[in-house]
Amino acid sequence: MKPATRLTPISPVVHRWSSFHPQWKVDFSSYAVTTSEGVYFVDPLRPRPTLQQQLAALGAPLGVFLTNANHERDADWFRKEFDIHVFAHEKAKPECDIKLDILVLDGEKLPGGPRVLHVPGGGAGESALVVGDIVLLGDALLHPKGQALALLPEQYCEDAKQLARSLRQLLDVDFQTLTFAHGEPIVGQAKAQLAALLKPSRKKKP
């Protein structure tokens, strides 16, 4: 993948950068979350120097957050470059190939305010970050450019039925925007789109 060169605002406190994976035909997205105490890098890919300067302008680096065990990406580089910790849900540890500095639990708040929501059933340690009315997801949902919102395919899930139940619990959260590790963010009315996706289909009577 070619390193990303552009930082795109999703909101005043969430910014995205992404690179297209030519073999898998999907974007790999990373996010910067600005808090009162500093900036978290979510599932980060190493940026080009010009983009690194844009990230630095957002505020002091505070930590890296991995949404699941498969998203180590360039977390080690960020840890060493900025002397920060890598956070992830405790269930990500057994499957993660890098050291996780701080293991978090469902419902826990990170320094600066983002709240962690465990989304079991997807990848190991699958978790979301809640920042105001924004939910940042990892692999639990996919939203490739030009395509409809979709569930993570069953072959990549630890338990597809459990993942669907976990995602229904997200409907208890008051949010309007969803971001994804793979795909385009949905800005505005994202909760309604998730509710429609998870709505049970009615079987026609014979």
N, C-alpha and C. Protein backbone atom coordinates (compact mmCIF):
# COMPACT_ATOMS: atom_id res chain seq x y z
N MET A 1 0.84 -1.20 0.00
CA MET A 1 0.00 0.00 0.00
C MET A 1 0.87 1.25 0.00
N LYS A 2 0.43 2.26 -0.71
CA LYS A 2 1.12 3.53 -0.68
C LYS A 2 0.73 4.30 0.58
N PRO A 3 1.68 4.96 1.24
CA PRO A 3 1.34 5.73 2.43
C PRO A 3 0.34 6.83 2.11
N ALA A 4 -0.55 7.10 3.06
CA ALA A 4 -1.56 8.14 2.87
C ALA A 4 -0.91 9.52 2.86
N THR A 5 -1.53 10.43 2.13
CA THR A 5 -1.00 11.79 2.01
C THR A 5 -2.00 12.85 2.47
N ARG A 6 -3.26 12.45 2.74
CA ARG A 6 -4.30 13.44 3.04
C ARG A 6 -5.02 13.09 4.34
N LEU A 7 -5.24 14.11 5.15
CA LEU A 7 -6.00 13.98 6.39
C LEU A 7 -7.36 14.62 6.18
N THR A 8 -8.42 13.85 6.40
CA THR A 8 -9.78 14.31 6.13
C THR A 8 -10.56 14.45 7.43
N PRO A 9 -11.15 15.62 7.70
CA PRO A 9 -11.94 15.77 8.92
C PRO A 9 -13.28 15.05 8.81
N ILE A 10 -13.63 14.27 9.84
CA ILE A 10 -14.94 13.66 9.96
C ILE A 10 -15.82 14.53 10.85
N SER A 11 -15.17 15.14 11.82
CA SER A 11 -15.80 16.09 12.75
C SER A 11 -14.67 16.97 13.28
N PRO A 12 -14.98 17.95 14.12
CA PRO A 12 -13.88 18.77 14.68
C PRO A 12 -12.87 17.97 15.50
N VAL A 13 -13.27 16.76 15.99
CA VAL A 13 -12.37 16.01 16.86
C VAL A 13 -11.95 14.66 16.28
N VAL A 14 -12.44 14.30 15.11
CA VAL A 14 -12.06 13.02 14.48
C VAL A 14 -11.61 13.29 13.05
N HIS A 15 -10.41 12.80 12.72
CA HIS A 15 -9.86 12.94 11.37
C HIS A 15 -9.44 11.57 10.85
N ARG A 16 -9.51 11.40 9.54
CA ARG A 16 -9.24 10.11 8.91
C ARG A 16 -8.12 10.22 7.89
N TRP A 17 -7.30 9.17 7.81
CA TRP A 17 -6.43 8.99 6.66
C TRP A 17 -6.51 7.53 6.23
N SER A 18 -6.31 7.26 4.95
CA SER A 18 -6.52 5.90 4.46
C SER A 18 -5.61 5.59 3.28
N SER A 19 -5.41 4.28 3.06
CA SER A 19 -4.65 3.79 1.91
C SER A 19 -5.41 2.63 1.29
N PHE A 20 -5.37 2.56 -0.02
CA PHE A 20 -6.08 1.50 -0.74
C PHE A 20 -5.18 0.27 -0.86
N HIS A 21 -5.74 -0.89 -0.49
CA HIS A 21 -5.01 -2.15 -0.60
C HIS A 21 -5.30 -2.74 -1.98
N PRO A 22 -4.32 -2.76 -2.89
CA PRO A 22 -4.60 -3.19 -4.27
C PRO A 22 -4.98 -4.65 -4.39
N GLN A 23 -4.49 -5.50 -3.49
CA GLN A 23 -4.82 -6.92 -3.58
C GLN A 23 -6.21 -7.20 -3.02
N TRP A 24 -6.54 -6.59 -1.89
CA TRP A 24 -7.83 -6.84 -1.24
C TRP A 24 -8.92 -5.91 -1.74
N LYS A 25 -8.55 -4.90 -2.53
CA LYS A 25 -9.51 -3.98 -3.14
C LYS A 25 -10.37 -3.27 -2.10
N VAL A 26 -9.75 -2.79 -1.04
CA VAL A 26 -10.48 -2.10 0.01
C VAL A 26 -9.57 -1.08 0.68
N ASP A 27 -10.15 -0.02 1.19
CA ASP A 27 -9.39 0.98 1.92
C ASP A 27 -9.05 0.49 3.32
N PHE A 28 -7.85 0.79 3.78
CA PHE A 28 -7.46 0.61 5.17
C PHE A 28 -7.48 2.00 5.79
N SER A 29 -8.41 2.22 6.71
CA SER A 29 -8.59 3.55 7.29
C SER A 29 -8.01 3.63 8.70
N SER A 30 -7.45 4.78 9.00
CA SER A 30 -6.94 5.10 10.33
C SER A 30 -7.56 6.42 10.77
N TYR A 31 -7.58 6.65 12.08
CA TYR A 31 -8.24 7.85 12.60
C TYR A 31 -7.41 8.49 13.70
N ALA A 32 -7.54 9.80 13.79
CA ALA A 32 -6.97 10.57 14.89
C ALA A 32 -8.13 11.16 15.68
N VAL A 33 -8.15 10.89 16.99
CA VAL A 33 -9.22 11.36 17.87
C VAL A 33 -8.62 12.37 18.84
N THR A 34 -9.08 13.60 18.76
CA THR A 34 -8.57 14.66 19.63
C THR A 34 -9.40 14.74 20.91
N THR A 35 -8.72 14.71 22.04
CA THR A 35 -9.40 14.81 23.34
C THR A 35 -8.81 15.98 24.13
N SER A 36 -9.36 16.21 25.30
CA SER A 36 -8.86 17.30 26.15
C SER A 36 -7.44 17.05 26.64
N GLU A 37 -6.99 15.78 26.57
CA GLU A 37 -5.66 15.46 27.08
C GLU A 37 -4.65 15.12 25.98
N GLY A 38 -5.11 15.05 24.74
CA GLY A 38 -4.20 14.72 23.65
C GLY A 38 -4.90 13.93 22.57
N VAL A 39 -4.11 13.35 21.66
CA VAL A 39 -4.65 12.70 20.47
C VAL A 39 -4.38 11.19 20.50
N TYR A 40 -5.44 10.42 20.22
CA TYR A 40 -5.32 8.98 20.03
C TYR A 40 -5.27 8.67 18.54
N PHE A 41 -4.42 7.71 18.19
CA PHE A 41 -4.35 7.22 16.82
C PHE A 41 -5.02 5.84 16.81
N VAL A 42 -6.06 5.69 16.01
CA VAL A 42 -6.86 4.47 15.99
C VAL A 42 -6.49 3.64 14.77
N ASP A 43 -6.04 2.40 15.01
CA ASP A 43 -5.62 1.48 13.94
C ASP A 43 -4.69 2.19 12.95
N PRO A 44 -3.62 2.79 13.43
CA PRO A 44 -2.87 3.70 12.56
C PRO A 44 -1.93 3.03 11.57
N LEU A 45 -1.93 3.59 10.36
CA LEU A 45 -0.95 3.31 9.33
C LEU A 45 0.07 4.45 9.34
N ARG A 46 1.33 4.11 9.11
CA ARG A 46 2.38 5.12 9.11
C ARG A 46 2.14 6.13 8.00
N PRO A 47 2.13 7.41 8.32
CA PRO A 47 1.85 8.44 7.30
C PRO A 47 3.12 8.94 6.62
N ARG A 48 2.94 9.59 5.49
CA ARG A 48 4.04 10.32 4.87
C ARG A 48 4.40 11.52 5.75
N PRO A 49 5.61 12.07 5.60
CA PRO A 49 6.02 13.19 6.45
C PRO A 49 5.05 14.37 6.43
N THR A 50 4.48 14.68 5.25
CA THR A 50 3.55 15.82 5.19
C THR A 50 2.30 15.54 6.03
N LEU A 51 1.81 14.31 5.98
CA LEU A 51 0.65 13.95 6.78
C LEU A 51 1.01 13.87 8.25
N GLN A 52 2.22 13.44 8.55
CA GLN A 52 2.66 13.40 9.94
C GLN A 52 2.64 14.80 10.55
N GLN A 53 3.00 15.80 9.76
CA GLN A 53 2.96 17.18 10.23
C GLN A 53 1.52 17.61 10.51
N GLN A 54 0.59 17.16 9.67
CA GLN A 54 -0.82 17.49 9.90
C GLN A 54 -1.33 16.84 11.18
N LEU A 55 -0.92 15.60 11.42
CA LEU A 55 -1.32 14.92 12.64
C LEU A 55 -0.74 15.63 13.87
N ALA A 56 0.51 16.05 13.77
CA ALA A 56 1.14 16.73 14.89
C ALA A 56 0.42 18.03 15.24
N ALA A 57 -0.16 18.67 14.22
CA ALA A 57 -0.86 19.94 14.45
C ALA A 57 -2.16 19.75 15.23
N LEU A 58 -2.65 18.51 15.32
CA LEU A 58 -3.90 18.27 16.04
C LEU A 58 -3.73 18.33 17.55
N GLY A 59 -2.51 18.10 18.03
CA GLY A 59 -2.27 18.12 19.47
C GLY A 59 -1.23 17.09 19.86
N ALA A 60 -0.93 17.04 21.14
CA ALA A 60 0.09 16.12 21.64
C ALA A 60 -0.38 14.68 21.54
N PRO A 61 0.43 13.78 20.98
CA PRO A 61 0.04 12.36 20.92
C PRO A 61 -0.15 11.79 22.32
N LEU A 62 -1.24 11.03 22.49
CA LEU A 62 -1.59 10.49 23.80
C LEU A 62 -1.54 8.97 23.83
N GLY A 63 -1.89 8.31 22.71
CA GLY A 63 -1.88 6.86 22.69
C GLY A 63 -2.35 6.32 21.36
N VAL A 64 -2.20 5.00 21.21
CA VAL A 64 -2.72 4.25 20.06
C VAL A 64 -3.83 3.35 20.58
N PHE A 65 -4.95 3.29 19.85
CA PHE A 65 -6.02 2.36 20.21
C PHE A 65 -6.24 1.41 19.06
N LEU A 66 -6.19 0.10 19.34
CA LEU A 66 -6.43 -0.92 18.33
C LEU A 66 -7.84 -1.46 18.51
N THR A 67 -8.62 -1.49 17.42
CA THR A 67 -9.99 -1.97 17.53
C THR A 67 -10.10 -3.49 17.56
N ASN A 68 -9.02 -4.18 17.21
CA ASN A 68 -8.98 -5.64 17.38
C ASN A 68 -7.53 -6.11 17.23
N ALA A 69 -7.33 -7.41 17.46
CA ALA A 69 -5.97 -7.96 17.46
C ALA A 69 -5.32 -7.96 16.09
N ASN A 70 -6.11 -7.84 15.02
CA ASN A 70 -5.57 -7.87 13.66
C ASN A 70 -5.09 -6.51 13.17
N HIS A 71 -5.26 -5.49 13.97
CA HIS A 71 -4.98 -4.14 13.49
C HIS A 71 -3.74 -3.51 14.10
N GLU A 72 -2.71 -4.35 14.31
CA GLU A 72 -1.45 -3.78 14.83
C GLU A 72 -0.89 -2.74 13.86
N ARG A 73 -0.99 -3.07 12.56
CA ARG A 73 -0.55 -2.15 11.51
C ARG A 73 0.79 -1.53 11.88
N ASP A 74 0.84 -0.19 12.00
CA ASP A 74 2.10 0.48 12.33
C ASP A 74 2.08 1.04 13.75
N ALA A 75 1.36 0.34 14.64
CA ALA A 75 1.26 0.81 16.03
C ALA A 75 2.62 0.91 16.70
N ASP A 76 3.51 -0.05 16.41
CA ASP A 76 4.85 -0.02 17.02
C ASP A 76 5.61 1.23 16.62
N TRP A 77 5.48 1.61 15.35
CA TRP A 77 6.16 2.82 14.89
C TRP A 77 5.64 4.04 15.64
N PHE A 78 4.33 4.15 15.80
CA PHE A 78 3.75 5.28 16.53
C PHE A 78 4.19 5.27 17.99
N ARG A 79 4.24 4.09 18.59
CA ARG A 79 4.66 3.99 19.99
C ARG A 79 6.08 4.53 20.17
N LYS A 80 6.98 4.11 19.28
CA LYS A 80 8.38 4.52 19.40
C LYS A 80 8.59 5.98 18.99
N GLU A 81 7.89 6.38 17.93
CA GLU A 81 8.06 7.75 17.41
C GLU A 81 7.59 8.80 18.40
N PHE A 82 6.47 8.52 19.09
CA PHE A 82 5.87 9.52 19.97
C PHE A 82 5.96 9.17 21.46
N ASP A 83 6.58 8.00 21.76
CA ASP A 83 6.72 7.57 23.15
C ASP A 83 5.36 7.51 23.85
N ILE A 84 4.45 6.75 23.25
CA ILE A 84 3.08 6.62 23.76
C ILE A 84 2.74 5.15 23.94
N HIS A 85 1.64 4.89 24.64
CA HIS A 85 1.20 3.53 24.90
C HIS A 85 0.21 3.03 23.84
N VAL A 86 0.17 1.71 23.69
CA VAL A 86 -0.81 1.07 22.82
C VAL A 86 -1.90 0.46 23.70
N PHE A 87 -3.15 0.86 23.44
CA PHE A 87 -4.31 0.38 24.17
C PHE A 87 -5.08 -0.61 23.30
N ALA A 88 -5.68 -1.62 23.93
CA ALA A 88 -6.59 -2.53 23.24
C ALA A 88 -7.40 -3.27 24.29
N HIS A 89 -8.50 -3.87 23.85
CA HIS A 89 -9.30 -4.67 24.78
C HIS A 89 -8.49 -5.88 25.23
N GLU A 90 -8.73 -6.31 26.47
CA GLU A 90 -7.94 -7.41 27.04
C GLU A 90 -8.00 -8.69 26.21
N LYS A 91 -9.11 -8.93 25.52
CA LYS A 91 -9.25 -10.15 24.74
C LYS A 91 -8.47 -10.11 23.42
N ALA A 92 -7.87 -8.97 23.11
CA ALA A 92 -7.02 -8.89 21.92
C ALA A 92 -5.63 -9.45 22.19
N LYS A 93 -5.22 -9.47 23.44
CA LYS A 93 -3.83 -9.81 23.77
C LYS A 93 -3.37 -11.16 23.24
N PRO A 94 -4.13 -12.27 23.42
CA PRO A 94 -3.62 -13.56 22.97
C PRO A 94 -3.36 -13.66 21.47
N GLU A 95 -4.07 -12.85 20.68
CA GLU A 95 -3.96 -12.95 19.22
C GLU A 95 -3.12 -11.83 18.61
N CYS A 96 -2.65 -10.91 19.42
CA CYS A 96 -1.93 -9.75 18.91
C CYS A 96 -0.44 -10.07 18.77
N ASP A 97 0.17 -9.62 17.70
CA ASP A 97 1.58 -9.91 17.44
C ASP A 97 2.53 -8.88 18.02
N ILE A 98 2.00 -7.83 18.62
CA ILE A 98 2.85 -6.82 19.23
C ILE A 98 2.49 -6.69 20.71
N LYS A 99 3.34 -6.02 21.44
CA LYS A 99 3.08 -5.77 22.86
C LYS A 99 1.94 -4.77 23.01
N LEU A 100 1.01 -5.09 23.89
CA LEU A 100 -0.05 -4.15 24.24
C LEU A 100 0.26 -3.59 25.62
N ASP A 101 0.38 -2.29 25.69
CA ASP A 101 0.81 -1.66 26.95
C ASP A 101 -0.30 -1.60 27.98
N ILE A 102 -1.51 -1.28 27.53
CA ILE A 102 -2.63 -1.10 28.46
C ILE A 102 -3.85 -1.84 27.92
N LEU A 103 -4.34 -2.80 28.72
CA LEU A 103 -5.52 -3.58 28.35
C LEU A 103 -6.75 -2.95 29.01
N VAL A 104 -7.81 -2.78 28.22
CA VAL A 104 -9.00 -2.11 28.71
C VAL A 104 -10.19 -3.06 28.69
N LEU A 105 -11.25 -2.65 29.37
CA LEU A 105 -12.45 -3.46 29.51
C LEU A 105 -13.64 -2.76 28.88
N ASP A 106 -14.71 -3.51 28.68
CA ASP A 106 -15.94 -2.94 28.14
C ASP A 106 -16.45 -1.83 29.05
N GLY A 107 -16.78 -0.69 28.46
CA GLY A 107 -17.31 0.44 29.21
C GLY A 107 -16.27 1.35 29.81
N GLU A 108 -15.02 0.96 29.73
CA GLU A 108 -13.95 1.78 30.34
C GLU A 108 -13.72 3.05 29.53
N LYS A 109 -13.41 4.12 30.26
CA LYS A 109 -13.07 5.39 29.61
C LYS A 109 -11.56 5.56 29.57
N LEU A 110 -11.05 5.94 28.39
CA LEU A 110 -9.64 6.25 28.26
C LEU A 110 -9.38 7.66 28.76
N PRO A 111 -8.14 7.97 29.14
CA PRO A 111 -7.82 9.35 29.51
C PRO A 111 -8.25 10.32 28.41
N GLY A 112 -8.93 11.36 28.78
CA GLY A 112 -9.43 12.31 27.80
C GLY A 112 -10.88 12.09 27.42
N GLY A 113 -11.45 10.91 27.80
CA GLY A 113 -12.89 10.74 27.63
C GLY A 113 -13.43 9.68 26.70
N PRO A 114 -12.72 9.23 25.64
CA PRO A 114 -13.31 8.21 24.77
C PRO A 114 -13.70 6.95 25.55
N ARG A 115 -14.86 6.39 25.22
CA ARG A 115 -15.35 5.21 25.94
C ARG A 115 -15.22 3.98 25.05
N VAL A 116 -14.75 2.89 25.64
CA VAL A 116 -14.55 1.64 24.92
C VAL A 116 -15.80 0.77 25.04
N LEU A 117 -16.26 0.24 23.92
CA LEU A 117 -17.36 -0.72 23.90
C LEU A 117 -16.88 -2.01 23.26
N HIS A 118 -16.89 -3.09 24.01
CA HIS A 118 -16.50 -4.38 23.48
C HIS A 118 -17.60 -4.86 22.52
N VAL A 119 -17.19 -5.38 21.35
CA VAL A 119 -18.14 -5.87 20.34
C VAL A 119 -17.77 -7.33 20.05
N PRO A 120 -18.04 -8.23 20.98
CA PRO A 120 -17.61 -9.63 20.81
C PRO A 120 -18.30 -10.30 19.64
N GLY A 121 -17.57 -11.25 19.07
CA GLY A 121 -18.10 -12.00 17.93
C GLY A 121 -17.36 -11.72 16.63
N GLY A 122 -16.70 -10.56 16.57
CA GLY A 122 -15.90 -10.23 15.38
C GLY A 122 -14.51 -10.81 15.52
N GLY A 123 -13.49 -9.97 15.33
CA GLY A 123 -12.12 -10.41 15.57
C GLY A 123 -11.82 -10.41 17.06
N ALA A 124 -10.67 -10.97 17.42
CA ALA A 124 -10.30 -11.03 18.84
C ALA A 124 -10.19 -9.63 19.42
N GLY A 125 -10.92 -9.39 20.52
CA GLY A 125 -10.88 -8.09 21.17
C GLY A 125 -11.60 -6.99 20.43
N GLU A 126 -12.45 -7.35 19.46
CA GLU A 126 -13.17 -6.33 18.67
C GLU A 126 -13.85 -5.32 19.58
N SER A 127 -13.53 -4.05 19.38
CA SER A 127 -14.07 -2.99 20.24
C SER A 127 -14.26 -1.72 19.43
N ALA A 128 -15.15 -0.88 19.94
CA ALA A 128 -15.41 0.42 19.33
C ALA A 128 -15.03 1.51 20.32
N LEU A 129 -14.78 2.69 19.79
CA LEU A 129 -14.57 3.88 20.62
C LEU A 129 -15.77 4.80 20.41
N VAL A 130 -16.31 5.31 21.51
CA VAL A 130 -17.40 6.28 21.45
C VAL A 130 -16.84 7.64 21.82
N VAL A 131 -16.98 8.58 20.89
CA VAL A 131 -16.48 9.95 21.10
C VAL A 131 -17.62 10.89 20.77
N GLY A 132 -18.30 11.41 21.78
CA GLY A 132 -19.46 12.25 21.53
C GLY A 132 -20.53 11.46 20.80
N ASP A 133 -20.97 11.96 19.64
CA ASP A 133 -22.00 11.25 18.87
C ASP A 133 -21.39 10.44 17.72
N ILE A 134 -20.12 10.05 17.89
CA ILE A 134 -19.40 9.28 16.88
C ILE A 134 -18.99 7.94 17.47
N VAL A 135 -19.22 6.86 16.71
CA VAL A 135 -18.73 5.53 17.07
C VAL A 135 -17.70 5.10 16.04
N LEU A 136 -16.50 4.80 16.52
CA LEU A 136 -15.43 4.34 15.64
C LEU A 136 -15.32 2.82 15.77
N LEU A 137 -15.64 2.12 14.67
CA LEU A 137 -15.62 0.66 14.65
C LEU A 137 -14.38 0.14 13.93
N GLY A 138 -14.08 -1.13 14.20
CA GLY A 138 -13.00 -1.79 13.48
C GLY A 138 -13.53 -2.58 12.31
N ASP A 139 -13.57 -3.92 12.48
CA ASP A 139 -14.00 -4.79 11.38
C ASP A 139 -15.44 -5.26 11.49
N ALA A 140 -16.13 -4.91 12.56
CA ALA A 140 -17.48 -5.45 12.80
C ALA A 140 -18.44 -5.14 11.66
N LEU A 141 -18.25 -3.99 11.03
CA LEU A 141 -19.06 -3.59 9.87
C LEU A 141 -18.14 -3.10 8.77
N LEU A 142 -18.58 -3.28 7.53
CA LEU A 142 -17.83 -2.82 6.38
C LEU A 142 -18.67 -1.84 5.57
N HIS A 143 -18.01 -0.83 5.01
CA HIS A 143 -18.74 0.14 4.20
C HIS A 143 -17.85 0.62 3.05
N PRO A 144 -17.52 -0.29 2.12
CA PRO A 144 -16.68 0.10 0.99
C PRO A 144 -17.33 1.22 0.17
N LYS A 145 -16.50 2.01 -0.44
CA LYS A 145 -16.98 3.14 -1.23
C LYS A 145 -17.95 2.67 -2.31
N GLY A 146 -19.13 3.32 -2.34
CA GLY A 146 -20.12 2.99 -3.35
C GLY A 146 -20.95 1.76 -3.04
N GLN A 147 -20.75 1.15 -1.87
CA GLN A 147 -21.50 -0.04 -1.52
C GLN A 147 -22.30 0.19 -0.24
N ALA A 148 -23.26 -0.70 0.01
CA ALA A 148 -24.11 -0.57 1.19
C ALA A 148 -23.36 -1.05 2.43
N LEU A 149 -23.82 -0.58 3.56
CA LEU A 149 -23.31 -1.03 4.85
C LEU A 149 -23.53 -2.54 4.96
N ALA A 150 -22.51 -3.26 5.46
CA ALA A 150 -22.60 -4.72 5.52
C ALA A 150 -21.94 -5.26 6.77
N LEU A 151 -22.41 -6.42 7.22
CA LEU A 151 -21.81 -7.12 8.34
C LEU A 151 -20.48 -7.74 7.90
N LEU A 152 -19.59 -7.92 8.86
CA LEU A 152 -18.36 -8.65 8.59
C LEU A 152 -18.71 -10.07 8.14
N PRO A 153 -18.17 -10.54 7.00
CA PRO A 153 -18.48 -11.89 6.54
C PRO A 153 -18.20 -12.94 7.61
N GLU A 154 -19.04 -13.96 7.63
CA GLU A 154 -18.99 -14.95 8.70
C GLU A 154 -17.64 -15.64 8.82
N GLN A 155 -16.93 -15.83 7.71
CA GLN A 155 -15.65 -16.54 7.77
C GLN A 155 -14.58 -15.77 8.53
N TYR A 156 -14.80 -14.48 8.74
CA TYR A 156 -13.84 -13.67 9.49
C TYR A 156 -14.27 -13.44 10.94
N CYS A 157 -15.41 -13.99 11.32
CA CYS A 157 -15.95 -13.78 12.66
C CYS A 157 -15.57 -14.91 13.60
N GLU A 158 -15.37 -14.56 14.87
CA GLU A 158 -15.26 -15.60 15.88
C GLU A 158 -16.63 -16.25 16.10
N ASP A 159 -17.69 -15.44 16.04
CA ASP A 159 -19.05 -15.94 16.22
C ASP A 159 -20.00 -14.92 15.59
N ALA A 160 -20.48 -15.21 14.38
CA ALA A 160 -21.29 -14.25 13.62
C ALA A 160 -22.58 -13.88 14.34
N LYS A 161 -23.24 -14.86 14.97
CA LYS A 161 -24.49 -14.58 15.68
C LYS A 161 -24.24 -13.68 16.88
N GLN A 162 -23.15 -13.93 17.59
CA GLN A 162 -22.81 -13.08 18.72
C GLN A 162 -22.48 -11.67 18.26
N LEU A 163 -21.80 -11.54 17.12
CA LEU A 163 -21.48 -10.22 16.59
C LEU A 163 -22.76 -9.44 16.29
N ALA A 164 -23.75 -10.09 15.69
CA ALA A 164 -25.02 -9.41 15.39
C ALA A 164 -25.67 -8.92 16.68
N ARG A 165 -25.63 -9.73 17.74
CA ARG A 165 -26.20 -9.31 19.03
C ARG A 165 -25.42 -8.13 19.59
N SER A 166 -24.12 -8.17 19.46
CA SER A 166 -23.28 -7.08 19.96
C SER A 166 -23.61 -5.77 19.24
N LEU A 167 -23.79 -5.85 17.94
CA LEU A 167 -24.09 -4.65 17.16
C LEU A 167 -25.46 -4.09 17.52
N ARG A 168 -26.41 -4.95 17.85
CA ARG A 168 -27.73 -4.46 18.28
C ARG A 168 -27.61 -3.65 19.57
N GLN A 169 -26.66 -4.02 20.42
CA GLN A 169 -26.45 -3.27 21.66
C GLN A 169 -25.93 -1.86 21.39
N LEU A 170 -25.29 -1.68 20.23
CA LEU A 170 -24.83 -0.33 19.86
C LEU A 170 -26.01 0.62 19.66
N LEU A 171 -27.19 0.06 19.38
CA LEU A 171 -28.36 0.91 19.17
C LEU A 171 -28.81 1.58 20.46
N ASP A 172 -28.26 1.15 21.59
CA ASP A 172 -28.53 1.82 22.86
C ASP A 172 -27.68 3.07 23.03
N VAL A 173 -26.71 3.26 22.14
CA VAL A 173 -25.82 4.43 22.18
C VAL A 173 -26.39 5.53 21.30
N ASP A 174 -26.31 6.76 21.77
CA ASP A 174 -26.81 7.90 21.00
C ASP A 174 -25.70 8.39 20.07
N PHE A 175 -25.75 7.98 18.80
CA PHE A 175 -24.72 8.39 17.85
C PHE A 175 -25.35 8.73 16.50
N GLN A 176 -24.61 9.52 15.74
CA GLN A 176 -25.06 9.92 14.41
C GLN A 176 -24.04 9.56 13.32
N THR A 177 -22.80 9.30 13.72
CA THR A 177 -21.73 9.04 12.76
C THR A 177 -21.04 7.72 13.10
N LEU A 178 -20.76 6.92 12.07
CA LEU A 178 -20.02 5.67 12.21
C LEU A 178 -18.78 5.73 11.32
N THR A 179 -17.65 5.29 11.87
CA THR A 179 -16.46 5.14 11.03
C THR A 179 -16.04 3.67 11.05
N PHE A 180 -15.23 3.30 10.06
CA PHE A 180 -14.88 1.90 9.85
C PHE A 180 -13.40 1.77 9.52
N ALA A 181 -12.82 0.64 9.91
CA ALA A 181 -11.43 0.37 9.53
C ALA A 181 -11.32 0.11 8.03
N HIS A 182 -12.42 -0.35 7.43
CA HIS A 182 -12.44 -0.62 5.99
C HIS A 182 -13.70 -0.01 5.40
N GLY A 183 -13.54 1.14 4.79
CA GLY A 183 -14.68 1.77 4.14
C GLY A 183 -14.87 3.22 4.51
N GLU A 184 -15.88 3.81 3.90
CA GLU A 184 -16.17 5.23 4.06
C GLU A 184 -17.01 5.48 5.31
N PRO A 185 -16.70 6.51 6.08
CA PRO A 185 -17.54 6.86 7.23
C PRO A 185 -18.96 7.23 6.80
N ILE A 186 -19.91 6.99 7.68
CA ILE A 186 -21.28 7.45 7.48
C ILE A 186 -21.48 8.61 8.44
N VAL A 187 -21.64 9.80 7.88
CA VAL A 187 -21.76 11.01 8.69
C VAL A 187 -23.21 11.47 8.67
N GLY A 188 -23.89 11.31 9.80
CA GLY A 188 -25.29 11.68 9.90
C GLY A 188 -26.22 10.50 9.66
N GLN A 189 -27.14 10.28 10.60
CA GLN A 189 -28.16 9.22 10.51
C GLN A 189 -27.55 7.82 10.41
N ALA A 190 -26.37 7.65 10.94
CA ALA A 190 -25.72 6.33 10.89
C ALA A 190 -26.46 5.31 11.75
N LYS A 191 -26.99 5.76 12.88
CA LYS A 191 -27.71 4.83 13.76
C LYS A 191 -28.92 4.24 13.04
N ALA A 192 -29.62 5.06 12.27
CA ALA A 192 -30.78 4.58 11.52
C ALA A 192 -30.36 3.55 10.48
N GLN A 193 -29.23 3.76 9.84
CA GLN A 193 -28.75 2.79 8.85
C GLN A 193 -28.36 1.47 9.51
N LEU A 194 -27.75 1.55 10.69
CA LEU A 194 -27.41 0.32 11.40
C LEU A 194 -28.67 -0.42 11.84
N ALA A 195 -29.66 0.32 12.32
CA ALA A 195 -30.92 -0.31 12.74
C ALA A 195 -31.58 -1.02 11.57
N ALA A 196 -31.55 -0.41 10.38
CA ALA A 196 -32.15 -1.02 9.19
C ALA A 196 -31.40 -2.29 8.80
N LEU A 197 -30.08 -2.27 8.91
CA LEU A 197 -29.27 -3.44 8.56
C LEU A 197 -29.58 -4.61 9.49
N LEU A 198 -29.79 -4.31 10.77
CA LEU A 198 -29.97 -5.36 11.77
C LEU A 198 -31.42 -5.78 11.94
N LYS A 199 -32.34 -5.11 11.25
CA LYS A 199 -33.75 -5.44 11.37
C LYS A 199 -34.01 -6.85 10.85
N PRO A 200 -34.66 -7.71 11.65
CA PRO A 200 -34.92 -9.08 11.20
C PRO A 200 -35.78 -9.08 9.94
N SER A 201 -35.41 -9.93 9.00
CA SER A 201 -36.19 -10.03 7.77
C SER A 201 -37.43 -10.89 8.02
N ARG A 202 -38.54 -10.51 7.43
CA ARG A 202 -39.77 -11.27 7.58
C ARG A 202 -39.87 -12.32 6.49
N LYS A 203 -40.06 -13.55 6.91
CA LYS A 203 -40.20 -14.62 5.94
C LYS A 203 -41.64 -14.66 5.39
N LYS A 204 -41.74 -14.80 4.09
CA LYS A 204 -43.05 -14.83 3.48
C LYS A 204 -43.73 -16.16 3.79
N LYS A 205 -45.04 -16.07 4.06
CA LYS A 205 -45.81 -17.29 4.31
C LYS A 205 -46.06 -18.03 3.01
N PRO A 206 -46.00 -19.36 3.04
CA PRO A 206 -46.21 -20.15 1.80
C PRO A 206 -47.63 -20.03 1.33
